Amino acid sequence: MKIALNIPDEIAQDPTFSRANWLREIAIALFEQEQVTLGGASQIADMHLMEFQKYVGNCGGCIHYDVQEFDEDMKNLWSRGWL
C-alpha cells in the first residue's frame, strides 16, 4: 500500500528531517495508537525489531506488548531468519 502525505514545504524541506525520520515517526505513531504491532511498526520504520524497540525507548515511547503481539513478532522474526 502507498500512502501520500501532504507536508508543508517548510517542514518537508528541512534538511534535518529525512525520509527515515518520517518513517520512524509514522511507525511510532501507528504503534502507540495500537494500529500495528511492534513488528509491523519496525517494518514500516525499515528497522530491525530490536533496533526499533531501542529507538522507541530512547524517544520516551511506551512499549505496550501482549502475548498475541509477542507471538506475531516471533513468527515475523522466524520468517526473516533472524532467530
C-alpha atoms as a PDB file:
ATOM      1  CA  MET A   1       0.000   0.000   0.000  1.00  0.00           C
ATOM      2  CA  LYS A   2       1.177   3.502  -0.718  1.00  0.00           C
ATOM      3  CA  ILE A   3       0.187   6.494   1.352  1.00  0.00           C
ATOM      4  CA  ALA A   4       0.638  10.081   0.209  1.00  0.00           C
ATOM      5  CA  LEU A   5       1.252  12.780   2.783  1.00  0.00           C
ATOM      6  CA  ASN A   6       0.777  16.493   2.274  1.00  0.00           C
ATOM      7  CA  ILE A   7       3.511  18.095   4.313  1.00  0.00           C
ATOM      8  CA  PRO A   8       4.063  21.858   4.305  1.00  0.00           C
ATOM      9  CA  ASP A   9       7.127  22.766   2.232  1.00  0.00           C
ATOM     10  CA  GLU A  10       8.957  24.426   5.124  1.00  0.00           C
ATOM     11  CA  ILE A  11       8.759  21.161   7.063  1.00  0.00           C
ATOM     12  CA  ALA A  12       9.358  18.768   4.158  1.00  0.00           C
ATOM     13  CA  GLN A  13      12.432  20.710   3.019  1.00  0.00           C
ATOM     14  CA  ASP A  14      14.033  20.831   6.452  1.00  0.00           C
ATOM     15  CA  PRO A  15      17.376  19.049   5.888  1.00  0.00           C
ATOM     16  CA  THR A  16      17.452  17.777   9.462  1.00  0.00           C
ATOM     17  CA  PHE A  17      14.339  15.641   8.932  1.00  0.00           C
ATOM     18  CA  SER A  18      14.922  12.827   6.449  1.00  0.00           C
ATOM     19  CA  ARG A  19      12.696  10.168   4.904  1.00  0.00           C
ATOM     20  CA  ALA A  20      13.988   7.740   7.563  1.00  0.00           C
ATOM     21  CA  ASN A  21      12.894  10.182  10.296  1.00  0.00           C
ATOM     22  CA  TRP A  22       9.394  10.387   8.793  1.00  0.00           C
ATOM     23  CA  LEU A  23       9.084   6.608   8.568  1.00  0.00           C
ATOM     24  CA  ARG A  24      10.178   6.158  12.181  1.00  0.00           C
ATOM     25  CA  GLU A  25       7.758   8.811  13.439  1.00  0.00           C
ATOM     26  CA  ILE A  26       4.850   7.352  11.461  1.00  0.00           C
ATOM     27  CA  ALA A  27       5.698   3.864  12.719  1.00  0.00           C
ATOM     28  CA  ILE A  28       5.818   5.045  16.341  1.00  0.00           C
ATOM     29  CA  ALA A  29       2.506   6.891  15.994  1.00  0.00           C
ATOM     30  CA  LEU A  30       0.768   3.849  14.488  1.00  0.00           C
ATOM     31  CA  PHE A  31       2.242   1.582  17.158  1.00  0.00           C
ATOM     32  CA  GLU A  32       1.261   3.872  20.034  1.00  0.00           C
ATOM     33  CA  GLN A  33      -2.282   4.073  18.629  1.00  0.00           C
ATOM     34  CA  GLU A  34      -2.293   0.245  18.531  1.00  0.00           C
ATOM     35  CA  GLN A  35      -2.881   0.260  14.763  1.00  0.00           C
ATOM     36  CA  VAL A  36       0.122  -2.028  14.144  1.00  0.00           C
ATOM     37  CA  THR A  37       2.185  -4.441  16.203  1.00  0.00           C
ATOM     38  CA  LEU A  38       5.727  -3.739  17.278  1.00  0.00           C
ATOM     39  CA  GLY A  39       6.946  -5.978  14.456  1.00  0.00           C
ATOM     40  CA  GLY A  40       4.740  -4.185  11.945  1.00  0.00           C
ATOM     41  CA  ALA A  41       5.979  -0.815  13.135  1.00  0.00           C
ATOM     42  CA  SER A  42       9.597  -1.931  12.827  1.00  0.00           C
ATOM     43  CA  GLN A  43       8.895  -2.942   9.221  1.00  0.00           C
ATOM     44  CA  ILE A  44       7.332   0.466   8.465  1.00  0.00           C
ATOM     45  CA  ALA A  45      10.370   2.152  10.015  1.00  0.00           C
ATOM     46  CA  ASP A  46      12.624  -0.171   7.996  1.00  0.00           C
ATOM     47  CA  MET A  47      14.480  -1.108  11.170  1.00  0.00           C
ATOM     48  CA  HIS A  48      15.366  -4.409  12.832  1.00  0.00           C
ATOM     49  CA  LEU A  49      12.854  -5.162  15.582  1.00  0.00           C
ATOM     50  CA  MET A  50      15.375  -4.810  18.414  1.00  0.00           C
ATOM     51  CA  GLU A  51      16.777  -1.596  16.935  1.00  0.00           C
ATOM     52  CA  PHE A  52      13.248  -0.188  16.685  1.00  0.00           C
ATOM     53  CA  GLN A  53      12.431  -1.151  20.286  1.00  0.00           C
ATOM     54  CA  LYS A  54      15.552   0.632  21.467  1.00  0.00           C
ATOM     55  CA  TYR A  55      14.685   3.686  19.348  1.00  0.00           C
ATOM     56  CA  VAL A  56      11.154   3.891  20.785  1.00  0.00           C
ATOM     57  CA  GLY A  57      12.503   3.550  24.306  1.00  0.00           C
ATOM     58  CA  ASN A  58      15.108   6.257  23.726  1.00  0.00           C
ATOM     59  CA  CYS A  59      12.370   8.568  22.412  1.00  0.00           C
ATOM     60  CA  GLY A  60      10.376   8.040  25.610  1.00  0.00           C
ATOM     61  CA  GLY A  61       7.683   5.959  23.920  1.00  0.00           C
ATOM     62  CA  CYS A  62       5.800   3.203  25.668  1.00  0.00           C
ATOM     63  CA  ILE A  63       6.283  -0.378  24.519  1.00  0.00           C
ATOM     64  CA  HIS A  64       2.877  -1.917  25.209  1.00  0.00           C
ATOM     65  CA  TYR A  65       3.183  -5.562  24.379  1.00  0.00           C
ATOM     66  CA  ASP A  66       0.855  -8.503  24.859  1.00  0.00           C
ATOM     67  CA  VAL A  67       1.129 -12.248  24.248  1.00  0.00           C
ATOM     68  CA  GLN A  68      -0.563 -12.089  20.832  1.00  0.00           C
ATOM     69  CA  GLU A  69       1.884  -9.400  19.679  1.00  0.00           C
ATOM     70  CA  PHE A  70       4.780 -11.455  21.007  1.00  0.00           C
ATOM     71  CA  ASP A  71       3.579 -14.492  19.024  1.00  0.00           C
ATOM     72  CA  GLU A  72       3.194 -12.407  15.849  1.00  0.00           C
ATOM     73  CA  ASP A  73       6.616 -10.870  16.283  1.00  0.00           C
ATOM     74  CA  MET A  74       8.228 -14.258  16.876  1.00  0.00           C
ATOM     75  CA  LYS A  75       6.663 -15.543  13.646  1.00  0.00           C
ATOM     76  CA  ASN A  76       7.983 -12.469  11.806  1.00  0.00           C
ATOM     77  CA  LEU A  77      11.461 -12.999  13.220  1.00  0.00           C
ATOM     78  CA  TRP A  78      11.467 -16.682  12.239  1.00  0.00           C
ATOM     79  CA  SER A  79      10.214 -15.899   8.728  1.00  0.00           C
ATOM     80  CA  ARG A  80      13.018 -13.360   8.267  1.00  0.00           C
ATOM     81  CA  GLY A  81      15.605 -15.822   9.523  1.00  0.00           C
ATOM     82  CA  TRP A  82      16.523 -13.620  12.472  1.00  0.00           C
ATOM     83  CA  LEU A  83      16.072 -16.403  15.025  1.00  0.00           C
END
